[in-house]
C-alpha atoms as a PDB file:
ATOM      1  CA  UNK A   1     100.558  82.584 103.988  1.00  0.00           C
ATOM      2  CA  UNK A   2      97.362  84.568 104.464  1.00  0.00           C
ATOM      3  CA  UNK A   3      94.441  83.961 102.172  1.00  0.00           C
ATOM      4  CA  UNK A   4      91.480  86.285 101.642  1.00  0.00           C
ATOM      5  CA  UNK A   5      88.416  84.513 100.297  1.00  0.00           C
ATOM      6  CA  UNK A   6      85.461  86.653 101.253  1.00  0.00           C
ATOM      7  CA  UNK A   7      86.966  90.112 101.663  1.00  0.00           C
ATOM      8  CA  UNK A   8      88.799  90.584  98.373  1.00  0.00           C
ATOM      9  CA  UNK A   9      89.793  89.193  94.992  1.00  0.00           C
ATOM     10  CA  UNK A  10      92.878  87.237  96.116  1.00  0.00           C
ATOM     11  CA  UNK A  11      92.656  83.447  95.993  1.00  0.00           C
ATOM     12  CA  UNK A  12      95.506  80.985  96.476  1.00  0.00           C
ATOM     13  CA  UNK A  13      96.655  79.599  93.159  1.00  0.00           C
ATOM     14  CA  UNK A  14      95.938  75.888  92.765  1.00  0.00           C
ATOM     15  CA  UNK A  15      97.469  73.436  90.307  1.00  0.00           C
ATOM     16  CA  UNK A  16      94.845  70.803  89.483  1.00  0.00           C
ATOM     17  CA  UNK A  17      96.370  67.451  88.550  1.00  0.00           C
ATOM     18  CA  UNK A  18      94.258  64.697  86.972  1.00  0.00           C
ATOM     19  CA  UNK A  19      95.852  61.370  86.034  1.00  0.00           C
ATOM     20  CA  UNK A  20      94.370  59.377  83.164  1.00  0.00           C
ATOM     21  CA  UNK A  21      95.062  55.785  82.211  1.00  0.00           C
ATOM     22  CA  UNK A  22      92.695  54.160  79.735  1.00  0.00           C
ATOM     23  CA  UNK A  23      89.707  56.007  81.145  1.00  0.00           C
ATOM     24  CA  UNK A  24      88.843  58.944  78.911  1.00  0.00           C
ATOM     25  CA  UNK A  25      85.073  58.689  79.496  1.00  0.00           C
ATOM     26  CA  UNK A  26      85.524  59.135  83.251  1.00  0.00           C
ATOM     27  CA  UNK A  27      88.214  61.760  82.713  1.00  0.00           C
ATOM     28  CA  UNK A  28      86.029  63.941  80.501  1.00  0.00           C
ATOM     29  CA  UNK A  29      83.147  63.721  82.975  1.00  0.00           C
ATOM     30  CA  UNK A  30      85.542  64.725  85.756  1.00  0.00           C
ATOM     31  CA  UNK A  31      86.910  67.654  83.723  1.00  0.00           C
ATOM     32  CA  UNK A  32      83.377  68.892  83.027  1.00  0.00           C
ATOM     33  CA  UNK A  33      82.683  69.017  86.749  1.00  0.00           C
ATOM     34  CA  UNK A  34      85.930  70.886  87.408  1.00  0.00           C
ATOM     35  CA  UNK A  35      84.939  73.400  84.767  1.00  0.00           C
ATOM     36  CA  UNK A  36      81.843  74.179  86.844  1.00  0.00           C
ATOM     37  CA  UNK A  37      83.880  75.299  89.862  1.00  0.00           C
ATOM     38  CA  UNK A  38      83.256  78.736  91.298  1.00  0.00           C
ATOM     39  CA  UNK A  39      86.949  79.020  92.176  1.00  0.00           C
ATOM     40  CA  UNK A  40      88.690  81.594  89.966  1.00  0.00           C
ATOM     41  CA  UNK A  41      92.414  80.831  90.205  1.00  0.00           C
ATOM     42  CA  UNK A  42      93.685  77.461  89.081  1.00  0.00           C
ATOM     43  CA  UNK A  43      95.917  75.817  86.510  1.00  0.00           C
ATOM     44  CA  UNK A  44      94.945  72.511  84.911  1.00  0.00           C
ATOM     45  CA  UNK A  45      97.372  69.659  84.296  1.00  0.00           C
ATOM     46  CA  UNK A  46      96.332  66.324  82.859  1.00  0.00           C
ATOM     47  CA  UNK A  47      98.787  63.441  82.825  1.00  0.00           C
ATOM     48  CA  UNK A  48      98.198  60.508  80.510  1.00  0.00           C
ATOM     49  CA  UNK A  49     100.007  57.400  81.747  1.00  0.00           C
ATOM     50  CA  UNK A  50     100.626  55.898  78.284  1.00  0.00           C
ATOM     51  CA  UNK A  51      96.992  54.971  77.623  1.00  0.00           C
ATOM     52  CA  UNK A  52      96.209  52.675  74.718  1.00  0.00           C
ATOM     53  CA  UNK A  53      92.453  53.331  74.529  1.00  0.00           C
ATOM     54  CA  UNK A  54      92.435  56.482  72.346  1.00  0.00           C
ATOM     55  CA  UNK A  55      92.376  58.713  75.448  1.00  0.00           C
ATOM     56  CA  UNK A  56      94.618  61.421  73.966  1.00  0.00           C
ATOM     57  CA  UNK A  57      92.416  61.783  70.892  1.00  0.00           C
ATOM     58  CA  UNK A  58      89.177  61.847  72.870  1.00  0.00           C
ATOM     59  CA  UNK A  59      90.352  64.393  75.435  1.00  0.00           C
ATOM     60  CA  UNK A  60      91.859  66.556  72.694  1.00  0.00           C
ATOM     61  CA  UNK A  61      88.528  66.492  70.852  1.00  0.00           C
ATOM     62  CA  UNK A  62      86.673  67.493  73.990  1.00  0.00           C
ATOM     63  CA  UNK A  63      88.788  70.607  74.491  1.00  0.00           C
ATOM     64  CA  UNK A  64      88.785  71.423  70.789  1.00  0.00           C
ATOM     65  CA  UNK A  65      85.001  71.487  70.826  1.00  0.00           C
ATOM     66  CA  UNK A  66      84.593  68.482  68.542  1.00  0.00           C
ATOM     67  CA  UNK A  67      81.089  67.006  68.257  1.00  0.00           C
ATOM     68  CA  UNK A  68      82.325  63.464  67.923  1.00  0.00           C
ATOM     69  CA  UNK A  69      83.946  60.921  70.254  1.00  0.00           C
ATOM     70  CA  UNK A  70      85.621  59.127  67.372  1.00  0.00           C
ATOM     71  CA  UNK A  71      82.641  56.855  66.726  1.00  0.00           C
ATOM     72  CA  UNK A  72      80.724  59.204  64.449  1.00  0.00           C
ATOM     73  CA  UNK A  73      78.054  59.908  67.052  1.00  0.00           C
ATOM     74  CA  UNK A  74      77.072  63.403  68.065  1.00  0.00           C
ATOM     75  CA  UNK A  75      77.766  64.273  71.677  1.00  0.00           C
ATOM     76  CA  UNK A  76      75.917  67.182  73.249  1.00  0.00           C
ATOM     77  CA  UNK A  77      78.272  67.215  76.221  1.00  0.00           C
ATOM     78  CA  UNK A  78      81.437  67.269  74.126  1.00  0.00           C
ATOM     79  CA  UNK A  79      81.574  71.039  73.732  1.00  0.00           C
ATOM     80  CA  UNK A  80      84.156  73.707  74.317  1.00  0.00           C
ATOM     81  CA  UNK A  81      84.577  74.399  78.018  1.00  0.00           C
ATOM     82  CA  UNK A  82      84.217  77.909  79.394  1.00  0.00           C
ATOM     83  CA  UNK A  83      87.611  78.249  81.101  1.00  0.00           C
ATOM     84  CA  UNK A  84      90.074  76.124  79.140  1.00  0.00           C
ATOM     85  CA  UNK A  85      90.487  77.456  75.615  1.00  0.00           C
ATOM     86  CA  UNK A  86      93.183  75.163  74.295  1.00  0.00           C
ATOM     87  CA  UNK A  87      95.394  72.218  75.147  1.00  0.00           C
ATOM     88  CA  UNK A  88      99.177  72.281  75.192  1.00  0.00           C
ATOM     89  CA  UNK A  89     100.422  68.737  74.629  1.00  0.00           C
ATOM     90  CA  UNK A  90     103.935  67.796  75.642  1.00  0.00           C
ATOM     91  CA  UNK A  91     105.787  64.488  75.682  1.00  0.00           C
ATOM     92  CA  UNK A  92     107.524  63.554  78.899  1.00  0.00           C
ATOM     93  CA  UNK A  93     110.967  63.748  77.267  1.00  0.00           C
ATOM     94  CA  UNK A  94     110.341  67.396  76.334  1.00  0.00           C
ATOM     95  CA  UNK A  95     108.876  68.483  79.677  1.00  0.00           C
ATOM     96  CA  UNK A  96     112.018  70.122  81.051  1.00  0.00           C
ATOM     97  CA  UNK A  97     112.211  72.466  78.047  1.00  0.00           C
ATOM     98  CA  UNK A  98     108.688  73.832  78.549  1.00  0.00           C
ATOM     99  CA  UNK A  99     108.641  77.468  79.595  1.00  0.00           C
ATOM    100  CA  UNK A 100     105.616  78.678  81.539  1.00  0.00           C
ATOM    101  CA  UNK A 101     104.741  82.084  82.925  1.00  0.00           C
ATOM    102  CA  UNK A 102     102.963  81.526  86.259  1.00  0.00           C
ATOM    103  CA  UNK A 103     101.331  84.963  85.871  1.00  0.00           C
ATOM    104  CA  UNK A 104      99.854  84.278  82.424  1.00  0.00           C
ATOM    105  CA  UNK A 105      96.159  84.318  83.267  1.00  0.00           C
ATOM    106  CA  UNK A 106      92.910  84.993  81.454  1.00  0.00           C
ATOM    107  CA  UNK A 107      89.647  86.383  82.827  1.00  0.00           C
ATOM    108  CA  UNK A 108      89.060  85.739  86.545  1.00  0.00           C
ATOM    109  CA  UNK A 109      92.701  84.739  87.003  1.00  0.00           C
ATOM    110  CA  UNK A 110      92.203  81.330  85.385  1.00  0.00           C
ATOM    111  CA  UNK A 111      94.913  79.995  83.086  1.00  0.00           C
ATOM    112  CA  UNK A 112      93.391  79.322  79.673  1.00  0.00           C
ATOM    113  CA  UNK A 113      95.649  76.471  78.584  1.00  0.00           C
ATOM    114  CA  UNK A 114      95.435  72.969  79.969  1.00  0.00           C
ATOM    115  CA  UNK A 115      98.797  71.202  79.961  1.00  0.00           C
ATOM    116  CA  UNK A 116      98.564  67.591  78.827  1.00  0.00           C
ATOM    117  CA  UNK A 117     101.652  65.590  79.729  1.00  0.00           C
ATOM    118  CA  UNK A 118     101.994  62.422  77.654  1.00  0.00           C
ATOM    119  CA  UNK A 119     104.016  59.778  79.465  1.00  0.00           C
ATOM    120  CA  UNK A 120     105.952  57.120  77.560  1.00  0.00           C
ATOM    121  CA  UNK A 121     104.896  54.348  79.947  1.00  0.00           C
ATOM    122  CA  UNK A 122     102.617  53.696  82.899  1.00  0.00           C
ATOM    123  CA  UNK A 123     104.423  55.123  85.920  1.00  0.00           C
ATOM    124  CA  UNK A 124     101.646  54.176  88.309  1.00  0.00           C
ATOM    125  CA  UNK A 125      99.657  56.487  90.537  1.00  0.00           C
ATOM    126  CA  UNK A 126     102.756  57.694  92.367  1.00  0.00           C
ATOM    127  CA  UNK A 127     105.050  58.219  89.405  1.00  0.00           C
ATOM    128  CA  UNK A 128     102.401  59.729  87.147  1.00  0.00           C
ATOM    129  CA  UNK A 129     101.317  62.260  89.758  1.00  0.00           C
ATOM    130  CA  UNK A 130     104.897  63.039  90.768  1.00  0.00           C
ATOM    131  CA  UNK A 131     105.730  64.023  87.190  1.00  0.00           C
ATOM    132  CA  UNK A 132     102.960  66.625  87.292  1.00  0.00           C
ATOM    133  CA  UNK A 133     103.749  67.722  90.858  1.00  0.00           C
ATOM    134  CA  UNK A 134     107.392  68.381  90.017  1.00  0.00           C
ATOM    135  CA  UNK A 135     106.439  70.194  86.813  1.00  0.00           C
ATOM    136  CA  UNK A 136     103.946  72.390  88.666  1.00  0.00           C
ATOM    137  CA  UNK A 137     106.444  73.092  91.443  1.00  0.00           C
ATOM    138  CA  UNK A 138     109.162  74.193  89.025  1.00  0.00           C
ATOM    139  CA  UNK A 139     107.152  75.914  86.298  1.00  0.00           C
ATOM    140  CA  UNK A 140     103.876  77.152  87.810  1.00  0.00           C
ATOM    141  CA  UNK A 141     104.778  77.714  91.480  1.00  0.00           C
ATOM    142  CA  UNK A 142     101.242  77.329  92.891  1.00  0.00           C
ATOM    143  CA  UNK A 143     100.243  77.834  96.502  1.00  0.00           C
ATOM    144  CA  UNK A 144      98.538  74.436  96.540  1.00  0.00           C
ATOM    145  CA  UNK A 145      98.375  71.269  94.478  1.00  0.00           C
ATOM    146  CA  UNK A 146      95.050  69.488  94.024  1.00  0.00           C
ATOM    147  CA  UNK A 147      95.304  65.811  93.116  1.00  0.00           C
ATOM    148  CA  UNK A 148      92.007  64.545  91.750  1.00  0.00           C
ATOM    149  CA  UNK A 149      91.140  61.042  90.559  1.00  0.00           C
ATOM    150  CA  UNK A 150      89.724  60.952  87.067  1.00  0.00           C
ATOM    151  CA  UNK A 151      86.743  58.898  88.312  1.00  0.00           C
ATOM    152  CA  UNK A 152      85.430  61.657  90.580  1.00  0.00           C
ATOM    153  CA  UNK A 153      82.779  64.353  90.192  1.00  0.00           C
ATOM    154  CA  UNK A 154      83.233  67.544  92.194  1.00  0.00           C
ATOM    155  CA  UNK A 155      80.660  69.888  93.699  1.00  0.00           C
ATOM    156  CA  UNK A 156      80.952  73.421  92.233  1.00  0.00           C
ATOM    157  CA  UNK A 157      81.761  74.855  95.676  1.00  0.00           C
ATOM    158  CA  UNK A 158      84.088  72.135  96.931  1.00  0.00           C
ATOM    159  CA  UNK A 159      87.377  73.965  96.408  1.00  0.00           C
ATOM    160  CA  UNK A 160      86.344  77.316  97.821  1.00  0.00           C
ATOM    161  CA  UNK A 161      84.816  75.498 100.817  1.00  0.00           C
ATOM    162  CA  UNK A 162      88.047  73.546 101.267  1.00  0.00           C
ATOM    163  CA  UNK A 163      90.062  76.774 101.303  1.00  0.00           C
ATOM    164  CA  UNK A 164      87.768  78.320 103.890  1.00  0.00           C
ATOM    165  CA  UNK A 165      88.297  75.315 106.166  1.00  0.00           C
ATOM    166  CA  UNK A 166      92.060  75.333 105.649  1.00  0.00           C
ATOM    167  CA  UNK A 167      92.232  78.871 107.041  1.00  0.00           C
ATOM    168  CA  UNK A 168      90.933  77.676 110.423  1.00  0.00           C
ATOM    169  CA  UNK A 169      94.119  75.702 111.134  1.00  0.00           C
ATOM    170  CA  UNK A 170      97.838  76.363 111.297  1.00  0.00           C
ATOM    171  CA  UNK A 171     100.370  74.328 109.291  1.00  0.00           C
ATOM    172  CA  UNK A 172      97.905  72.456 107.101  1.00  0.00           C
ATOM    173  CA  UNK A 173      99.731  70.106 104.771  1.00  0.00           C
ATOM    174  CA  UNK A 174      96.773  68.133 103.428  1.00  0.00           C
ATOM    175  CA  UNK A 175      93.027  68.685 103.186  1.00  0.00           C
ATOM    176  CA  UNK A 176      90.410  66.277 101.899  1.00  0.00           C
ATOM    177  CA  UNK A 177      86.649  66.526 101.258  1.00  0.00           C
ATOM    178  CA  UNK A 178      83.591  64.559 102.243  1.00  0.00           C
ATOM    179  CA  UNK A 179      83.441  61.760  99.670  1.00  0.00           C
ATOM    180  CA  UNK A 180      80.267  60.027  98.565  1.00  0.00           C
ATOM    181  CA  UNK A 181      79.865  56.962  96.391  1.00  0.00           C
ATOM    182  CA  UNK A 182      78.869  57.993  92.899  1.00  0.00           C
ATOM    183  CA  UNK A 183      75.457  56.861  91.720  1.00  0.00           C
ATOM    184  CA  UNK A 184      74.807  57.574  88.005  1.00  0.00           C
ATOM    185  CA  UNK A 185      71.037  57.587  88.536  1.00  0.00           C
ATOM    186  CA  UNK A 186      70.765  60.011  91.453  1.00  0.00           C
ATOM    187  CA  UNK A 187      72.768  62.211  93.790  1.00  0.00           C
ATOM    188  CA  UNK A 188      74.183  59.723  96.260  1.00  0.00           C
ATOM    189  CA  UNK A 189      73.931  60.258 100.007  1.00  0.00           C
ATOM    190  CA  UNK A 190      76.032  57.170 100.805  1.00  0.00           C
ATOM    191  CA  UNK A 191      79.379  58.076 102.290  1.00  0.00           C
ATOM    192  CA  UNK A 192      82.625  56.575 101.098  1.00  0.00           C
ATOM    193  CA  UNK A 193      85.163  58.514 103.179  1.00  0.00           C
ATOM    194  CA  UNK A 194      85.296  61.355 105.708  1.00  0.00           C
ATOM    195  CA  UNK A 195      88.936  61.175 106.735  1.00  0.00           C
ATOM    196  CA  UNK A 196      90.853  58.299 108.226  1.00  0.00           C
ATOM    197  CA  UNK A 197      93.036  57.233 111.127  1.00  0.00           C
ATOM    198  CA  UNK A 198      95.645  54.495 111.300  1.00  0.00           C
ATOM    199  CA  UNK A 199      96.849  52.342 114.174  1.00  0.00           C
ATOM    200  CA  UNK A 200     100.629  52.154 113.841  1.00  0.00           C
ATOM    201  CA  UNK A 201     100.701  49.160 116.181  1.00  0.00           C
ATOM    202  CA  UNK A 202      98.758  47.049 113.669  1.00  0.00           C
ATOM    203  CA  UNK A 203      99.184  48.969 110.383  1.00  0.00           C
ATOM    204  CA  UNK A 204      95.408  48.923 110.175  1.00  0.00           C
ATOM    205  CA  UNK A 205      93.775  51.953 108.490  1.00  0.00           C
ATOM    206  CA  UNK A 206      90.335  53.036 109.703  1.00  0.00           C
ATOM    207  CA  UNK A 207      88.370  55.011 107.093  1.00  0.00           C
ATOM    208  CA  UNK A 208      85.718  57.073 108.845  1.00  0.00           C
ATOM    209  CA  UNK A 209      82.106  57.082 107.637  1.00  0.00           C
ATOM    210  CA  UNK A 210      82.525  54.342 105.050  1.00  0.00           C
ATOM    211  CA  UNK A 211      79.200  52.878 103.826  1.00  0.00           C
ATOM    212  CA  UNK A 212      77.125  55.107 106.121  1.00  0.00           C
ATOM    213  CA  UNK A 213      74.241  57.292 105.002  1.00  0.00           C
ATOM    214  CA  UNK A 214      75.030  60.948 105.532  1.00  0.00           C
ATOM    215  CA  UNK A 215      72.834  62.184 108.377  1.00  0.00           C
ATOM    216  CA  UNK A 216      75.094  65.071 109.277  1.00  0.00           C
ATOM    217  CA  UNK A 217      77.082  62.936 111.725  1.00  0.00           C
ATOM    218  CA  UNK A 218      80.374  64.072 110.163  1.00  0.00           C
ATOM    219  CA  UNK A 219      79.499  67.735 109.643  1.00  0.00           C
ATOM    220  CA  UNK A 220      82.514  69.119 111.426  1.00  0.00           C
ATOM    221  CA  UNK A 221      86.051  69.799 110.254  1.00  0.00           C
ATOM    222  CA  UNK A 222      88.718  67.895 112.128  1.00  0.00           C
ATOM    223  CA  UNK A 223      92.326  66.785 112.098  1.00  0.00           C
ATOM    224  CA  UNK A 224      92.802  63.189 110.907  1.00  0.00           C
ATOM    225  CA  UNK A 225      95.755  60.907 110.225  1.00  0.00           C
ATOM    226  CA  UNK A 226      95.210  60.703 106.488  1.00  0.00           C
ATOM    227  CA  UNK A 227      92.909  61.600 103.618  1.00  0.00           C
ATOM    228  CA  UNK A 228      92.053  59.599 100.528  1.00  0.00           C
ATOM    229  CA  UNK A 229      94.247  59.865  97.452  1.00  0.00           C
ATOM    230  CA  UNK A 230      91.209  60.407  95.212  1.00  0.00           C
ATOM    231  CA  UNK A 231      91.182  64.069  96.238  1.00  0.00           C
ATOM    232  CA  UNK A 232      94.087  65.696  98.076  1.00  0.00           C
ATOM    233  CA  UNK A 233      94.737  69.403  98.508  1.00  0.00           C
ATOM    234  CA  UNK A 234      98.448  69.691  99.286  1.00  0.00           C
ATOM    235  CA  UNK A 235     100.242  72.831 100.433  1.00  0.00           C
ATOM    236  CA  UNK A 236     103.379  74.044  98.698  1.00  0.00           C
ATOM    237  CA  UNK A 237     105.151  74.110 102.059  1.00  0.00           C
ATOM    238  CA  UNK A 238     104.436  70.429 102.595  1.00  0.00           C
ATOM    239  CA  UNK A 239     105.933  69.552  99.235  1.00  0.00           C
ATOM    240  CA  UNK A 240     109.021  71.656  99.875  1.00  0.00           C
ATOM    241  CA  UNK A 241     109.540  70.054 103.290  1.00  0.00           C
ATOM    242  CA  UNK A 242     108.828  66.343 102.851  1.00  0.00           C
ATOM    243  CA  UNK A 243     108.729  65.956  99.062  1.00  0.00           C
ATOM    244  CA  UNK A 244     106.060  64.204  97.054  1.00  0.00           C
ATOM    245  CA  UNK A 245     104.906  60.577  96.713  1.00  0.00           C
ATOM    246  CA  UNK A 246     107.310  57.744  97.418  1.00  0.00           C
ATOM    247  CA  UNK A 247     107.335  56.003  94.056  1.00  0.00           C
ATOM    248  CA  UNK A 248     108.267  52.647  95.579  1.00  0.00           C
ATOM    249  CA  UNK A 249     104.565  52.235  96.317  1.00  0.00           C
ATOM    250  CA  UNK A 250     103.480  52.577  92.662  1.00  0.00           C
ATOM    251  CA  UNK A 251      99.851  52.493  93.799  1.00  0.00           C
ATOM    252  CA  UNK A 252      98.026  51.995  97.140  1.00  0.00           C
ATOM    253  CA  UNK A 253      99.178  53.155 100.592  1.00  0.00           C
ATOM    254  CA  UNK A 254     101.063  56.067  99.062  1.00  0.00           C
ATOM    255  CA  UNK A 255      98.679  58.731 100.396  1.00  0.00           C
ATOM    256  CA  UNK A 256      98.778  57.320 103.944  1.00  0.00           C
ATOM    257  CA  UNK A 257     102.568  57.261 103.792  1.00  0.00           C
ATOM    258  CA  UNK A 258     102.638  60.872 102.561  1.00  0.00           C
ATOM    259  CA  UNK A 259     100.253  62.100 105.273  1.00  0.00           C
ATOM    260  CA  UNK A 260     102.188  60.334 108.040  1.00  0.00           C
ATOM    261  CA  UNK A 261     105.464  61.790 106.760  1.00  0.00           C
ATOM    262  CA  UNK A 262     103.802  65.207 106.842  1.00  0.00           C
ATOM    263  CA  UNK A 263     102.514  64.630 110.363  1.00  0.00           C
ATOM    264  CA  UNK A 264     106.019  63.747 111.572  1.00  0.00           C
ATOM    265  CA  UNK A 265     107.266  66.994 110.005  1.00  0.00           C
ATOM    266  CA  UNK A 266     104.658  69.045 111.895  1.00  0.00           C
ATOM    267  CA  UNK A 267     101.933  69.402 109.248  1.00  0.00           C
ATOM    268  CA  UNK A 268      98.231  68.766 109.887  1.00  0.00           C
ATOM    269  CA  UNK A 269      95.930  66.689 107.719  1.00  0.00           C
ATOM    270  CA  UNK A 270      92.326  67.877 107.878  1.00  0.00           C
ATOM    271  CA  UNK A 271      88.953  66.626 106.750  1.00  0.00           C
ATOM    272  CA  UNK A 272      86.770  69.444 105.367  1.00  0.00           C
ATOM    273  CA  UNK A 273      83.079  68.598 105.708  1.00  0.00           C
ATOM    274  CA  UNK A 274      81.643  71.370 103.505  1.00  0.00           C
ATOM    275  CA  UNK A 275      83.695  70.224 100.519  1.00  0.00           C
ATOM    276  CA  UNK A 276      81.942  67.424  98.641  1.00  0.00           C
ATOM    277  CA  UNK A 277      82.849  65.090  95.796  1.00  0.00           C
ATOM    278  CA  UNK A 278      81.472  61.825  94.399  1.00  0.00           C
ATOM    279  CA  UNK A 279      83.797  58.902  93.676  1.00  0.00           C
ATOM    280  CA  UNK A 280      82.996  56.073  91.291  1.00  0.00           C
ATOM    281  CA  UNK A 281      85.424  53.839  93.207  1.00  0.00           C
ATOM    282  CA  UNK A 282      86.161  51.589  90.282  1.00  0.00           C
ATOM    283  CA  UNK A 283      88.221  53.523  87.758  1.00  0.00           C
ATOM    284  CA  UNK A 284      91.647  52.419  89.019  1.00  0.00           C
ATOM    285  CA  UNK A 285      90.694  48.942  90.258  1.00  0.00           C
ATOM    286  CA  UNK A 286      92.903  46.263  88.709  1.00  0.00           C
ATOM    287  CA  UNK A 287      91.435  43.267  90.513  1.00  0.00           C
ATOM    288  CA  UNK A 288      94.107  40.809  91.555  1.00  0.00           C
ATOM    289  CA  UNK A 289      96.884  43.308  90.886  1.00  0.00           C
ATOM    290  CA  UNK A 290      95.334  45.778  93.320  1.00  0.00           C
ATOM    291  CA  UNK A 291      95.374  43.103  96.034  1.00  0.00           C
ATOM    292  CA  UNK A 292      99.043  42.473  95.377  1.00  0.00           C
ATOM    293  CA  UNK A 293      99.985  46.141  95.843  1.00  0.00           C
ATOM    294  CA  UNK A 294      97.739  46.640  98.865  1.00  0.00           C
ATOM    295  CA  UNK A 295      99.417  43.719 100.647  1.00  0.00           C
ATOM    296  CA  UNK A 296     102.982  44.335  99.503  1.00  0.00           C
ATOM    297  CA  UNK A 297     102.793  48.026 100.337  1.00  0.00           C
ATOM    298  CA  UNK A 298     101.404  47.386 103.797  1.00  0.00           C
ATOM    299  CA  UNK A 299     104.806  45.964 104.718  1.00  0.00           C
ATOM    300  CA  UNK A 300     106.603  48.799 102.920  1.00  0.00           C
ATOM    301  CA  UNK A 301     104.613  51.246 105.036  1.00  0.00           C
ATOM    302  CA  UNK A 302     105.638  49.398 108.197  1.00  0.00           C
ATOM    303  CA  UNK A 303     109.311  49.658 107.266  1.00  0.00           C
ATOM    304  CA  UNK A 304     109.223  53.346 106.421  1.00  0.00           C
ATOM    305  CA  UNK A 305     106.918  54.728 109.114  1.00  0.00           C
ATOM    306  CA  UNK A 306     106.913  52.525 112.206  1.00  0.00           C
ATOM    307  CA  UNK A 307     109.308  52.012 115.073  1.00  0.00           C
ATOM    308  CA  UNK A 308     110.899  48.613 115.601  1.00  0.00           C
ATOM    309  CA  UNK A 309     108.331  47.797 118.296  1.00  0.00           C
ATOM    310  CA  UNK A 310     105.430  48.941 116.107  1.00  0.00           C
ATOM    311  CA  UNK A 311     106.688  46.841 113.200  1.00  0.00           C
ATOM    312  CA  UNK A 312     106.914  43.840 115.509  1.00  0.00           C
ATOM    313  CA  UNK A 313     103.316  44.204 116.728  1.00  0.00           C
ATOM    314  CA  UNK A 314     102.085  44.959 113.191  1.00  0.00           C
ATOM    315  CA  UNK A 315     103.668  41.785 111.845  1.00  0.00           C
ATOM    316  CA  UNK A 316     102.151  39.754 114.695  1.00  0.00           C
ATOM    317  CA  UNK A 317      98.728  41.246 113.970  1.00  0.00           C
ATOM    318  CA  UNK A 318      99.117  40.474 110.275  1.00  0.00           C
ATOM    319  CA  UNK A 319     100.103  36.822 110.603  1.00  0.00           C
ATOM    320  CA  UNK A 320      97.947  35.925 113.604  1.00  0.00           C
ATOM    321  CA  UNK A 321      94.770  37.628 112.379  1.00  0.00           C
ATOM    322  CA  UNK A 322      94.709  39.572 109.095  1.00  0.00           C
ATOM    323  CA  UNK A 323      96.484  36.944 106.982  1.00  0.00           C
ATOM    324  CA  UNK A 324      94.064  34.190 107.982  1.00  0.00           C
ATOM    325  CA  UNK A 325      91.011  36.391 107.540  1.00  0.00           C
ATOM    326  CA  UNK A 326      91.935  37.208 103.930  1.00  0.00           C
ATOM    327  CA  UNK A 327      93.157  33.674 103.207  1.00  0.00           C
ATOM    328  CA  UNK A 328      89.863  32.107 104.304  1.00  0.00           C
ATOM    329  CA  UNK A 329      87.863  34.751 102.429  1.00  0.00           C
ATOM    330  CA  UNK A 330      89.653  34.213  99.118  1.00  0.00           C
ATOM    331  CA  UNK A 331      90.156  30.440  99.285  1.00  0.00           C
ATOM    332  CA  UNK A 332      87.027  29.179 101.052  1.00  0.00           C
ATOM    333  CA  UNK A 333      84.300  31.799 100.764  1.00  0.00           C
ATOM    334  CA  UNK A 334      85.087  33.335  97.359  1.00  0.00           C
ATOM    335  CA  UNK A 335      87.216  30.564  95.853  1.00  0.00           C
ATOM    336  CA  UNK A 336      89.119  33.098  93.789  1.00  0.00           C
ATOM    337  CA  UNK A 337      92.427  31.433  92.999  1.00  0.00           C
ATOM    338  CA  UNK A 338      93.716  34.391  90.967  1.00  0.00           C
ATOM    339  CA  UNK A 339      93.300  36.885  93.789  1.00  0.00           C
ATOM    340  CA  UNK A 340      94.517  34.331  96.300  1.00  0.00           C
ATOM    341  CA  UNK A 341      97.735  33.959  94.325  1.00  0.00           C
ATOM    342  CA  UNK A 342      98.164  37.766  94.256  1.00  0.00           C
ATOM    343  CA  UNK A 343      97.546  37.934  98.000  1.00  0.00           C
ATOM    344  CA  UNK A 344     100.206  35.307  98.730  1.00  0.00           C
ATOM    345  CA  UNK A 345     102.657  36.914  96.295  1.00  0.00           C
ATOM    346  CA  UNK A 346     102.069  40.305  97.916  1.00  0.00           C
ATOM    347  CA  UNK A 347     102.733  38.802 101.336  1.00  0.00           C
ATOM    348  CA  UNK A 348     105.960  37.180 100.143  1.00  0.00           C
ATOM    349  CA  UNK A 349     107.263  40.376  98.528  1.00  0.00           C
ATOM    350  CA  UNK A 350     106.053  42.391 101.519  1.00  0.00           C
ATOM    351  CA  UNK A 351     108.225  40.352 103.864  1.00  0.00           C
ATOM    352  CA  UNK A 352     111.183  41.148 101.614  1.00  0.00           C
ATOM    353  CA  UNK A 353     110.257  44.847 101.783  1.00  0.00           C
ATOM    354  CA  UNK A 354     110.171  45.019 105.542  1.00  0.00           C
ATOM    355  CA  UNK A 355     113.749  43.802 105.743  1.00  0.00           C
ATOM    356  CA  UNK A 356     115.143  46.505 103.443  1.00  0.00           C
ATOM    357  CA  UNK A 357     116.638  49.882 104.400  1.00  0.00           C
ATOM    358  CA  UNK A 358     114.476  52.922 104.964  1.00  0.00           C
ATOM    359  CA  UNK A 359     114.361  55.398 102.095  1.00  0.00           C
ATOM    360  CA  UNK A 360     112.124  58.055 100.592  1.00  0.00           C
END
């Protein structure tokens, strides 16, 4: 697929997918930043994972141009956006009956209606995003999917810069931006993520650039093992070849699993340094529950992606080093019995996972 960015009006069509769960304030701030993009050809899908914090009402008001957030207070920022003119709300049970024309565009090739999918329960990060990915694949047929955490703020040029980088490589399945920590008081220069690699002999991920000040040390595009799930550009070809998220993960490790599956199928994952976003890094944190899934899913990843020898060395690494490091941290240094219990429960269920059959 050839893409012309600077020599003509053709841009690959992108399906933006934002997942919301009890976080409408962050979601609206994220949507405002997306509305400032200089990229002219995208659809917008928002998935609400059965929120119980008035998210549907607040997001609906934002797109309807309401001047209130439901508390009677005026909100200067809660105004009608320039690209999205209305919201089409659909319950999950009615999603299959929705008919969409992929060529129904407004000015500058931008679809004017945001689709809001209202789930009947919390399907997790994997299930919630998969619902939108499958809908977009069947109904909108984009060239790329763009998964974006609701607690992120995007640079106006990030998507067009991502596309320019993608064209430098063959068989790109995933592309991810330079990610900074979000600072509400100033534009942060503190890096959170610039791509990552993983050692399959230890199941140990290595995020690059984490907690470093940006001095230009990562100002080059490169192939990496994985990108962060907070912002993933995914090619249609990748989805058609290896599918979408493995929903057994629910949350955590799912993006690494997806990237490694893509790598095994011949697709590249690239870090794009000119594309920039800011991540609040707290919106989806569930405390002890997050620890449980991070530990449990580590073993699930071993089972699905590593050879028998790699699983053996990864388990040795876990129980001779990693397990004791986390155990001492939670029990002695932090004395957090709740998170310690989640850690031990995740380890127990993880051991059960590693013994099961491989499946996608």
